[in-house]
Every structure is written in structure tokens, then in C-alpha cells.
Amino acid sequence: MPMITNIEDLRILAKARVPRMFYDYADSGSWTESTYRANSADFQSIKLRQRVAINMENRSTASTMIGQKVAMPVAIAPTGLTGMQSADGEIKAANAAKKFGIPFTLSTMSICSIEDVAKETGGHPFWFQLYVMKDRDFIERLIDRAKAAHCSALMITLDLQILGQRHKDIKNGLSAPPKLTIPNIINMMTKVRWGLGMLGTQRRGFGNIVGHVKGVENMGSLSEWTAKQFDPALSWNDVEWIKKRWGGKLIIKGIQDVEDARLAVNSGADAMIVSNHGGRQLDGAPSSITALPAIVDAVGKDIEVHMDGGIRSGQDVLKARALGARGTYIGRAFLYGLGAMGEAGVTKALEIIHKELDLTMAFCGHTQIENVDKSILLPGTYPT
């Protein structure tokens, strides 16, 4: 086992251990991947003010997200196919989040079902992310299943009405079921640890869908169904009926524009996430961290603003918090840990981010994350 000191170490290990088609699915963006790259790169230009001779004892990164206590202002983002990075991956990640004291969000397009995660985490509350499909009867039943599993928040993703093109997925033959070309088979055969894990589980399909939609009983019929189901006609009216059906805490994901942020406020949601879907949809859109300040300025007093995209360190979390994000989400960072070392890898990713967040906060002269604001940033280096 190599020495793991940062998220990049986990990424390198995951790349070596996860089949290429599934690693590339997680670690890619649409078209030229310019937005995907900018999500991380734009954090680097933001500089921090180092302070000295300040008492750094009794530090705390504890905060809240939509009223829920969190050990740090970080949640695990919803990611599709998590259970293909490591067998039963959603369960492993949910358990790691539970033990660490942060929220876990399950994707509609997960491998493990809502019921799987609820059972294997001892009924611990988690959040559920909803893609709005044309089959509204299925969506209503999915919401009801999330209620029955005691999910404590529903997250509606609005930026996947149509699918962005990801060149790597096309070239790798990633589909449902995956195309087992000779190169893919050869590559999978070299991933012994991954293969043994997959042989030990029955969870290899989309657990929230297969068996829950009439006519969808296997991966082949699933592919045909999903190709027709993402709804390009999705509107704020749909958000209204989902909110009524759900009746609990509601988070809107996929906001990049101030005008849409105001509409999110009007929807009655409890929080919104500034997000460009990890650079996987509109290539050429601004990075999340550059889009964040204008949205916070416009609606931050009316709704809790979170952000997602490009976070690879605790310093990134601190910078987002300084620019007004009440909470942040990690997607690829936890997926790298999961692919590298399973549940232990997710825990390692969380430990790395927490330590970097804690130490950097102290270096910037603060001991409480709740008191961090723009004053920790060097003027002229951050977006306004």
C-alpha cells in the first residue's frame, strides 16, 4: 500500500484498480472538458492571507447544512454508477459518511437501491437525489420510497434534462449494459481486486429502477427505457408538485445563473447548489467557484447556498466557505477513495479534506469555521 497524503494519491491508485470504462466515467467531462478542468483550476488562483501570533487552540469545523449538524461543511455528492467503482460502493460510501458525521447523497442512477442503503446503514438518515423522468408515476413512487427509507432531504437535479456528450464514455463503450469489447474484457481482467469484489455481490444493475418499472427487468431493457426518460420539458412547475409530494427538506442542484437562483428561491426550496454537473453538461460554462459569489450576493440572504464542483482539498472547502457557500459537496474526491480502497478509501478522503480544512483555517487566523468569511482571502485574487 503506497503512502496516501492527498486526494491525488487516491486518484492515481483508483486509476490503477478500477476498469478503464468506469474510472473514465467518473474522471471526465463533456466535449473539450474545459469546464471540468476549470472547476479545479480556478480554486488555485484564489490566495489565502496567512496570520500569525493568534491562538489556534480549540478549533472546530462543525457546522450545519439545511439545519443538520455536520462535522465539516461537506457532503458526499450524488454520483451515478458509484457501485461500479467498487462493489456495493454506495453502501460503503454511506457508511463512511455516517461514521464521519457528514451527509451522504444517493443518486437516482445508483447501483445499490434506496432500500439497500437504508438497510445496510442501520436506517441512518441520508439524502436522496432525484432525476425527473417522463414517467411521473415512477417518480412519485421513487419519492415515496425515499420517504419510507427516512431520507432526511430530497435533492432535485435540474441540469440533466438532456445529456451532455462525454467522448471517453463513447469510446469506452459505456452503456447499460456495458459493451464487452475485447479491449474492455482485457482491461477488466487486469483489475483482480475489483473483479473479486463484483463476484461477491449481486448488485450490478441500477437498483432504484430495475424491478420498479414495468417492463424493466434487466440491464438491456433498462437502457431502452432510460434513453427515452430524461425530460427536456422539465420546468419549475414540476419542482412545485415534487415539493408538495415530498413535504420535507428540498435542495435544488444545478444552478449557475443569478436569474435561475432567484427562481430557486421562489420555488420554496431550503437550499440550492451552485453546480455545473462536474463539467459533464455544458462545456464552456463557468466554474462553480467563479459562479458562486454573484449568486450568494443575489440570494444568499433568502436561501442557503451550497456549491459543488472541483473540490479536491480542504483548502478548496475553506475558499468556498469564505465566498459564501454554507455547504460543499465532493464527488470525484470520494470516488477516487472508493475506487482505490473501498470504504477505507472514502474515510481516508474525508480525513484528508478535514485535516487540510482544519489546518488551513488555523493558518488564516480562525478557530471556528462559522466565523470564516472573505477576510481570509487576498484581495484581488478571488472572483466577485
Protein backbone atom coordinates (compact mmCIF):
# COMPACT_ATOMS: atom_id res chain seq x y z
CA MET A 1 0.00 0.00 0.00
CA PRO A 2 1.53 3.33 -1.07
CA MET A 3 1.65 6.30 1.30
CA ILE A 4 -1.56 8.33 0.88
CA THR A 5 -1.23 12.02 1.77
CA ASN A 6 -3.68 13.77 -0.56
CA ILE A 7 -6.62 13.21 -2.90
CA GLU A 8 -4.31 12.97 -5.92
CA ASP A 9 -2.67 9.89 -4.37
CA LEU A 10 -6.10 8.27 -4.16
CA ARG A 11 -6.86 9.22 -7.77
CA ILE A 12 -3.69 7.53 -9.02
CA LEU A 13 -4.47 4.39 -7.05
CA ALA A 14 -8.09 4.32 -8.24
CA LYS A 15 -6.96 4.64 -11.85
CA ALA A 16 -4.79 1.55 -11.38
CA ARG A 17 -7.52 -0.51 -9.68
CA VAL A 18 -10.79 0.39 -11.45
CA PRO A 19 -11.61 -0.76 -15.02
CA ARG A 20 -10.92 1.98 -17.51
CA MET A 21 -14.54 2.50 -18.61
CA PHE A 22 -15.74 3.09 -15.04
CA TYR A 23 -12.75 5.18 -13.98
CA ASP A 24 -13.15 7.36 -17.10
CA TYR A 25 -16.87 7.70 -16.42
CA ALA A 26 -16.06 9.33 -13.08
CA ASP A 27 -13.00 11.27 -14.20
CA SER A 28 -14.19 13.05 -17.34
CA GLY A 29 -16.17 16.00 -18.63
CA SER A 30 -18.13 16.85 -21.76
CA TRP A 31 -16.61 17.81 -25.11
CA THR A 32 -13.25 19.58 -24.60
CA GLU A 33 -13.51 19.23 -20.78
CA SER A 34 -12.69 22.93 -20.34
CA THR A 35 -15.30 23.45 -17.61
CA TYR A 36 -14.30 20.19 -15.93
CA ARG A 37 -10.71 21.42 -15.71
CA ALA A 38 -11.69 24.96 -14.71
CA ASN A 39 -13.70 23.68 -11.73
CA SER A 40 -10.44 22.66 -10.03
CA ALA A 41 -8.01 25.12 -11.63
CA ASP A 42 -9.96 28.23 -10.65
CA PHE A 43 -9.55 27.41 -6.97
CA GLN A 44 -5.78 27.66 -7.37
CA SER A 45 -5.79 31.35 -8.31
CA ILE A 46 -7.54 32.26 -5.05
CA LYS A 47 -4.90 33.15 -2.46
CA LEU A 48 -5.15 32.97 1.32
CA ARG A 49 -4.00 35.51 3.93
CA GLN A 50 -1.69 33.90 6.46
CA ARG A 51 -1.99 35.23 10.00
CA VAL A 52 0.40 34.64 12.91
CA ALA A 53 0.60 35.03 16.70
CA ILE A 54 -3.08 34.14 17.05
CA ASN A 55 -4.30 31.50 19.49
CA MET A 56 -5.03 28.42 17.36
CA GLU A 57 -6.35 26.19 20.16
CA ASN A 58 -9.85 24.69 20.41
CA ARG A 59 -10.58 24.65 16.69
CA SER A 60 -13.88 23.40 15.28
CA THR A 61 -15.00 22.71 11.72
CA ALA A 62 -18.51 21.77 12.90
CA SER A 63 -21.37 23.47 11.08
CA THR A 64 -24.88 22.83 9.75
CA MET A 65 -26.32 22.13 6.30
CA ILE A 66 -30.10 22.65 5.95
CA GLY A 67 -30.30 22.54 9.73
CA GLN A 68 -28.46 19.23 10.04
CA LYS A 69 -25.32 19.15 12.18
CA VAL A 70 -22.20 18.22 10.19
CA ALA A 71 -18.61 17.58 11.31
CA MET A 72 -17.48 19.87 8.49
CA PRO A 73 -19.43 21.77 5.80
CA VAL A 74 -19.02 18.91 3.31
CA ALA A 75 -21.48 16.34 1.98
CA ILE A 76 -20.94 13.40 -0.35
CA ALA A 77 -22.45 14.33 -3.72
CA PRO A 78 -24.80 12.06 -5.66
CA THR A 79 -22.85 10.18 -8.34
CA GLY A 80 -24.19 7.64 -10.79
CA LEU A 81 -22.64 4.17 -11.07
CA THR A 82 -20.90 4.54 -7.70
CA GLY A 83 -21.30 0.80 -7.18
CA MET A 84 -19.16 0.15 -10.26
CA GLN A 85 -16.14 1.92 -8.77
CA SER A 86 -16.17 -0.69 -6.01
CA ALA A 87 -18.69 -3.44 -5.25
CA ASP A 88 -21.61 -2.10 -3.17
CA GLY A 89 -19.95 1.30 -3.43
CA GLU A 90 -22.94 3.37 -2.33
CA ILE A 91 -23.24 1.36 0.88
CA LYS A 92 -19.52 1.72 1.58
CA ALA A 93 -19.61 5.48 1.00
CA ALA A 94 -22.77 5.93 3.08
CA ASN A 95 -21.24 4.07 6.00
CA ALA A 96 -18.05 6.14 5.79
CA ALA A 97 -20.10 9.35 5.78
CA LYS A 98 -22.22 8.13 8.70
CA LYS A 99 -19.15 7.39 10.83
CA PHE A 100 -17.53 10.72 9.93
CA GLY A 101 -20.63 12.79 10.63
CA ILE A 102 -21.43 14.25 7.21
CA PRO A 103 -24.38 13.72 4.82
CA PHE A 104 -24.37 11.08 2.10
CA THR A 105 -26.49 11.66 -1.02
CA LEU A 106 -27.70 8.68 -3.06
CA SER A 107 -28.17 9.15 -6.81
CA THR A 108 -31.26 8.01 -8.70
CA MET A 109 -28.78 6.25 -11.02
CA SER A 110 -27.08 4.33 -8.21
CA ILE A 111 -26.24 0.65 -8.32
CA CYS A 112 -27.41 -0.02 -4.74
CA SER A 113 -31.06 0.86 -4.18
CA ILE A 114 -32.58 3.25 -1.65
CA GLU A 115 -33.66 0.21 0.35
CA ASP A 116 -30.18 -1.37 0.17
CA VAL A 117 -28.52 1.73 1.61
CA ALA A 118 -31.15 2.20 4.32
CA LYS A 119 -30.84 -1.41 5.46
CA GLU A 120 -27.04 -1.61 5.38
CA THR A 121 -26.56 1.68 7.26
CA GLY A 122 -28.94 0.70 10.05
CA GLY A 123 -31.60 3.16 8.95
CA HIS A 124 -29.26 6.14 9.32
CA PRO A 125 -30.83 9.15 7.53
CA PHE A 126 -29.30 10.03 4.18
CA TRP A 127 -30.25 12.37 1.34
CA PHE A 128 -31.73 11.23 -1.97
CA GLN A 129 -31.11 12.88 -5.34
CA LEU A 130 -33.92 12.81 -7.88
CA TYR A 131 -33.73 12.92 -11.67
CA VAL A 132 -37.11 13.92 -13.06
CA MET A 133 -38.19 11.33 -15.63
CA LYS A 134 -41.12 11.49 -18.05
CA ASP A 135 -42.69 8.57 -16.19
CA ARG A 136 -44.25 10.66 -13.42
CA ASP A 137 -45.84 7.60 -11.79
CA PHE A 138 -42.35 6.14 -11.30
CA ILE A 139 -41.10 9.45 -9.88
CA GLU A 140 -43.95 9.59 -7.37
CA ARG A 141 -43.21 6.05 -6.24
CA LEU A 142 -39.50 6.86 -6.03
CA ILE A 143 -40.25 9.83 -3.78
CA ASP A 144 -42.44 7.61 -1.61
CA ARG A 145 -39.64 5.04 -1.35
CA ALA A 146 -37.25 7.79 -0.21
CA LYS A 147 -39.80 8.78 2.45
CA ALA A 148 -40.14 5.17 3.60
CA ALA A 149 -36.33 4.92 3.89
CA HIS A 150 -36.37 8.01 6.16
CA CYS A 151 -34.26 10.12 3.80
CA SER A 152 -33.89 13.49 5.50
CA ALA A 153 -33.66 15.62 2.34
CA LEU A 154 -34.59 15.39 -1.33
CA MET A 155 -32.26 16.89 -3.92
CA ILE A 156 -33.68 17.67 -7.37
CA THR A 157 -31.12 17.88 -10.17
CA LEU A 158 -32.26 20.36 -12.83
CA ASP A 159 -29.28 20.39 -15.21
CA LEU A 160 -29.74 16.94 -16.78
CA GLN A 161 -32.83 17.40 -18.91
CA ILE A 162 -30.69 16.28 -21.84
CA LEU A 163 -27.33 14.51 -21.72
CA GLY A 164 -24.03 16.22 -22.50
CA GLN A 165 -21.67 14.26 -24.72
CA ARG A 166 -18.67 12.70 -22.97
CA HIS A 167 -16.22 11.44 -25.56
CA LYS A 168 -14.50 8.95 -23.25
CA ASP A 169 -17.75 7.15 -22.48
CA ILE A 170 -18.50 6.75 -26.18
CA LYS A 171 -15.02 5.47 -26.96
CA ASN A 172 -15.09 3.07 -23.99
CA GLY A 173 -18.50 1.68 -24.95
CA LEU A 174 -20.03 2.67 -21.62
CA SER A 175 -23.72 1.83 -21.80
CA ALA A 176 -26.31 -0.26 -19.96
CA PRO A 177 -25.16 -2.98 -20.16
CA PRO A 178 -21.50 -2.04 -20.90
CA LYS A 179 -20.17 -3.14 -24.29
CA LEU A 180 -17.83 -6.04 -23.57
CA THR A 181 -15.34 -5.39 -26.34
CA ILE A 182 -12.07 -7.28 -26.38
CA PRO A 183 -10.10 -4.26 -25.05
CA ASN A 184 -12.66 -3.82 -22.23
CA ILE A 185 -12.54 -7.50 -21.29
CA ILE A 186 -8.73 -7.49 -21.27
CA ASN A 187 -8.68 -4.34 -19.14
CA MET A 188 -11.18 -5.77 -16.64
CA MET A 189 -9.13 -8.94 -16.32
CA THR A 190 -6.20 -6.88 -15.03
CA LYS A 191 -8.33 -5.43 -12.19
CA VAL A 192 -8.33 -8.51 -9.93
CA ARG A 193 -9.32 -6.75 -6.70
CA TRP A 194 -12.26 -5.05 -8.42
CA GLY A 195 -13.34 -8.26 -10.14
CA LEU A 196 -13.36 -10.31 -6.94
CA GLY A 197 -15.48 -7.66 -5.29
CA MET A 198 -18.00 -7.73 -8.13
CA LEU A 199 -18.19 -11.53 -7.99
CA GLY A 200 -19.13 -11.24 -4.33
CA THR A 201 -22.20 -9.04 -4.84
CA GLN A 202 -25.49 -9.33 -6.69
CA ARG A 203 -25.76 -5.54 -7.02
CA ARG A 204 -24.67 -4.80 -10.58
CA GLY A 205 -27.70 -3.05 -12.09
CA PHE A 206 -29.46 0.24 -11.36
CA GLY A 207 -31.15 -0.79 -8.14
CA ASN A 208 -33.60 2.11 -7.96
CA ILE A 209 -35.02 1.31 -11.38
CA VAL A 210 -34.69 -2.38 -12.33
CA GLY A 211 -37.73 -4.22 -10.99
CA HIS A 212 -39.51 -0.98 -10.13
CA VAL A 213 -40.60 0.00 -13.65
CA LYS A 214 -42.96 -2.13 -15.71
CA GLY A 215 -41.01 -3.88 -18.46
CA VAL A 216 -37.59 -3.05 -16.99
CA GLU A 217 -36.28 -6.31 -15.56
CA ASN A 218 -32.66 -6.30 -16.75
CA MET A 219 -29.87 -4.02 -17.99
CA GLY A 220 -30.92 -4.40 -21.62
CA SER A 221 -34.48 -3.19 -21.10
CA LEU A 222 -33.17 -0.51 -18.73
CA SER A 223 -31.03 1.01 -21.49
CA GLU A 224 -34.03 1.35 -23.78
CA TRP A 225 -36.14 2.89 -21.00
CA THR A 226 -33.60 5.44 -19.75
CA ALA A 227 -32.81 6.64 -23.29
CA LYS A 228 -36.36 7.94 -23.52
CA GLN A 229 -36.92 9.10 -19.95
CA PHE A 230 -34.86 12.23 -19.23
CA ASP A 231 -37.37 15.03 -19.67
CA PRO A 232 -36.40 18.04 -21.82
CA ALA A 233 -39.71 19.70 -20.87
CA LEU A 234 -38.80 19.85 -17.15
CA SER A 235 -39.95 23.16 -15.62
CA TRP A 236 -40.34 24.94 -12.29
CA ASN A 237 -43.94 23.68 -12.23
CA ASP A 238 -42.55 20.17 -11.87
CA VAL A 239 -40.47 21.35 -8.91
CA GLU A 240 -43.67 22.62 -7.28
CA TRP A 241 -45.51 19.28 -7.44
CA ILE A 242 -42.41 17.38 -6.32
CA LYS A 243 -42.09 19.70 -3.33
CA LYS A 244 -45.73 19.04 -2.38
CA ARG A 245 -45.34 15.27 -2.83
CA TRP A 246 -42.13 15.20 -0.79
CA GLY A 247 -43.13 17.53 2.04
CA GLY A 248 -39.65 17.70 3.60
CA LYS A 249 -36.32 19.47 3.18
CA LEU A 250 -35.70 20.26 -0.50
CA ILE A 251 -32.41 21.09 -2.26
CA ILE A 252 -32.16 22.33 -5.87
CA LYS A 253 -28.99 21.26 -7.71
CA GLY A 254 -27.57 22.68 -10.92
CA ILE A 255 -27.83 26.48 -10.52
CA GLN A 256 -25.26 28.59 -12.41
CA ASP A 257 -27.10 31.80 -13.18
CA VAL A 258 -28.46 34.55 -10.91
CA GLU A 259 -31.83 34.55 -12.69
CA ASP A 260 -32.23 30.81 -12.04
CA ALA A 261 -31.09 31.32 -8.45
CA ARG A 262 -33.99 33.74 -7.89
CA LEU A 263 -36.39 31.19 -9.37
CA ALA A 264 -34.99 28.59 -6.99
CA VAL A 265 -35.76 30.92 -4.09
CA ASN A 266 -39.31 31.37 -5.38
CA SER A 267 -39.73 27.58 -5.54
CA GLY A 268 -39.58 27.40 -1.76
CA ALA A 269 -36.50 25.16 -1.67
CA ASP A 270 -34.43 25.07 1.51
CA ALA A 271 -31.08 25.22 -0.31
CA MET A 272 -29.59 25.43 -3.79
CA ILE A 273 -26.33 24.05 -5.12
CA VAL A 274 -24.20 26.13 -7.46
CA SER A 275 -23.10 23.37 -9.82
CA ASN A 276 -22.30 22.66 -13.47
CA HIS A 277 -22.65 18.88 -13.02
CA GLY A 278 -18.92 18.46 -12.61
CA GLY A 279 -18.26 19.88 -16.08
CA ARG A 280 -20.23 16.99 -17.60
CA GLN A 281 -23.01 19.01 -19.26
CA LEU A 282 -22.39 22.45 -20.82
CA ASP A 283 -18.72 22.64 -21.73
CA GLY A 284 -17.68 26.30 -21.65
CA ALA A 285 -19.86 27.16 -18.64
CA PRO A 286 -18.10 28.98 -15.79
CA SER A 287 -16.53 27.02 -12.98
CA SER A 288 -18.69 26.67 -9.90
CA ILE A 289 -16.36 28.68 -7.70
CA THR A 290 -16.42 31.67 -10.09
CA ALA A 291 -20.22 31.50 -10.39
CA LEU A 292 -20.69 31.30 -6.61
CA PRO A 293 -20.11 34.92 -5.38
CA ALA A 294 -22.69 36.59 -7.64
CA ILE A 295 -25.34 34.06 -6.64
CA VAL A 296 -24.53 34.46 -2.94
CA ASP A 297 -24.77 38.24 -3.28
CA ALA A 298 -28.11 37.98 -5.08
CA VAL A 299 -29.95 35.40 -2.95
CA GLY A 300 -27.73 34.39 -0.02
CA LYS A 301 -29.97 36.15 2.48
CA ASP A 302 -33.04 34.30 1.20
CA ILE A 303 -31.81 30.72 0.81
CA GLU A 304 -28.93 28.53 1.90
CA VAL A 305 -26.36 28.45 -0.93
CA HIS A 306 -24.11 25.41 -1.38
CA MET A 307 -21.57 24.63 -4.11
CA ASP A 308 -20.27 21.59 -5.92
CA GLY A 309 -17.52 21.13 -8.48
CA GLY A 310 -13.76 20.86 -8.41
CA ILE A 311 -13.21 20.38 -4.68
CA ARG A 312 -10.10 18.27 -4.17
CA SER A 313 -8.86 19.56 -0.81
CA GLY A 314 -9.82 21.09 2.48
CA GLN A 315 -8.39 24.38 1.24
CA ASP A 316 -10.98 24.34 -1.57
CA VAL A 317 -13.72 23.83 1.04
CA LEU A 318 -12.42 26.79 3.05
CA LYS A 319 -12.27 29.06 -0.01
CA ALA A 320 -15.83 28.16 -0.97
CA ARG A 321 -16.97 28.84 2.58
CA ALA A 322 -15.19 32.20 2.53
CA LEU A 323 -17.08 33.11 -0.65
CA GLY A 324 -20.43 32.37 0.95
CA ALA A 325 -21.15 28.66 0.47
CA ARG A 326 -22.83 27.27 3.58
CA GLY A 327 -22.00 23.77 2.39
CA THR A 328 -19.90 22.00 -0.22
CA TYR A 329 -20.02 18.60 -1.96
CA ILE A 330 -17.36 16.15 -3.02
CA GLY A 331 -17.93 13.78 -5.92
CA ARG A 332 -14.72 12.71 -7.61
CA ALA A 333 -12.69 13.09 -4.42
CA PHE A 334 -14.69 10.40 -2.63
CA LEU A 335 -14.96 8.25 -5.79
CA TYR A 336 -11.16 8.16 -6.03
CA GLY A 337 -11.02 6.93 -2.44
CA LEU A 338 -13.74 4.36 -3.10
CA GLY A 339 -12.05 3.00 -6.21
CA ALA A 340 -8.68 2.92 -4.50
CA MET A 341 -9.54 1.30 -1.17
CA GLY A 342 -13.30 0.82 -0.77
CA GLU A 343 -14.89 2.18 2.39
CA ALA A 344 -11.47 2.75 3.95
CA GLY A 345 -10.57 4.89 0.94
CA VAL A 346 -13.67 7.08 1.36
CA THR A 347 -12.80 7.51 5.03
CA LYS A 348 -9.25 8.43 4.02
CA ALA A 349 -10.53 11.04 1.58
CA LEU A 350 -12.69 12.59 4.31
CA GLU A 351 -9.81 12.57 6.78
CA ILE A 352 -7.52 14.28 4.26
CA ILE A 353 -10.05 17.00 3.46
CA HIS A 354 -10.85 17.57 7.12
CA LYS A 355 -7.21 17.88 8.15
CA GLU A 356 -6.46 20.30 5.31
CA LEU A 357 -9.54 22.35 6.21
CA ASP A 358 -8.66 22.45 9.92
CA LEU A 359 -5.00 23.40 9.46
CA THR A 360 -5.63 26.00 6.75
CA MET A 361 -8.35 27.64 8.82
CA ALA A 362 -5.87 27.96 11.67
CA PHE A 363 -3.13 29.36 9.43
CA CYS A 364 -5.64 32.01 8.32
CA GLY A 365 -6.26 33.06 11.92
CA HIS A 366 -9.57 31.33 12.66
CA THR A 367 -10.57 28.58 15.06
CA GLN A 368 -14.29 28.33 14.17
CA ILE A 369 -15.50 27.58 10.64
CA GLU A 370 -18.66 29.58 11.39
CA ASN A 371 -16.58 32.79 11.58
CA VAL A 372 -14.78 32.36 8.23
CA ASP A 373 -15.55 34.98 5.57
CA LYS A 374 -13.86 36.82 2.69
CA SER A 375 -11.38 38.42 5.07
CA ILE A 376 -9.23 35.26 4.87
CA LEU A 377 -8.72 35.79 1.12
CA LEU A 378 -6.15 38.05 -0.52
CA PRO A 379 -8.00 40.92 -2.24
CA GLY A 380 -7.84 40.82 -6.00
CA THR A 381 -7.34 37.06 -6.19
CA TYR A 382 -10.91 35.86 -5.80
CA PRO A 383 -14.00 36.20 -8.07
CA THR A 384 -16.57 38.85 -7.16
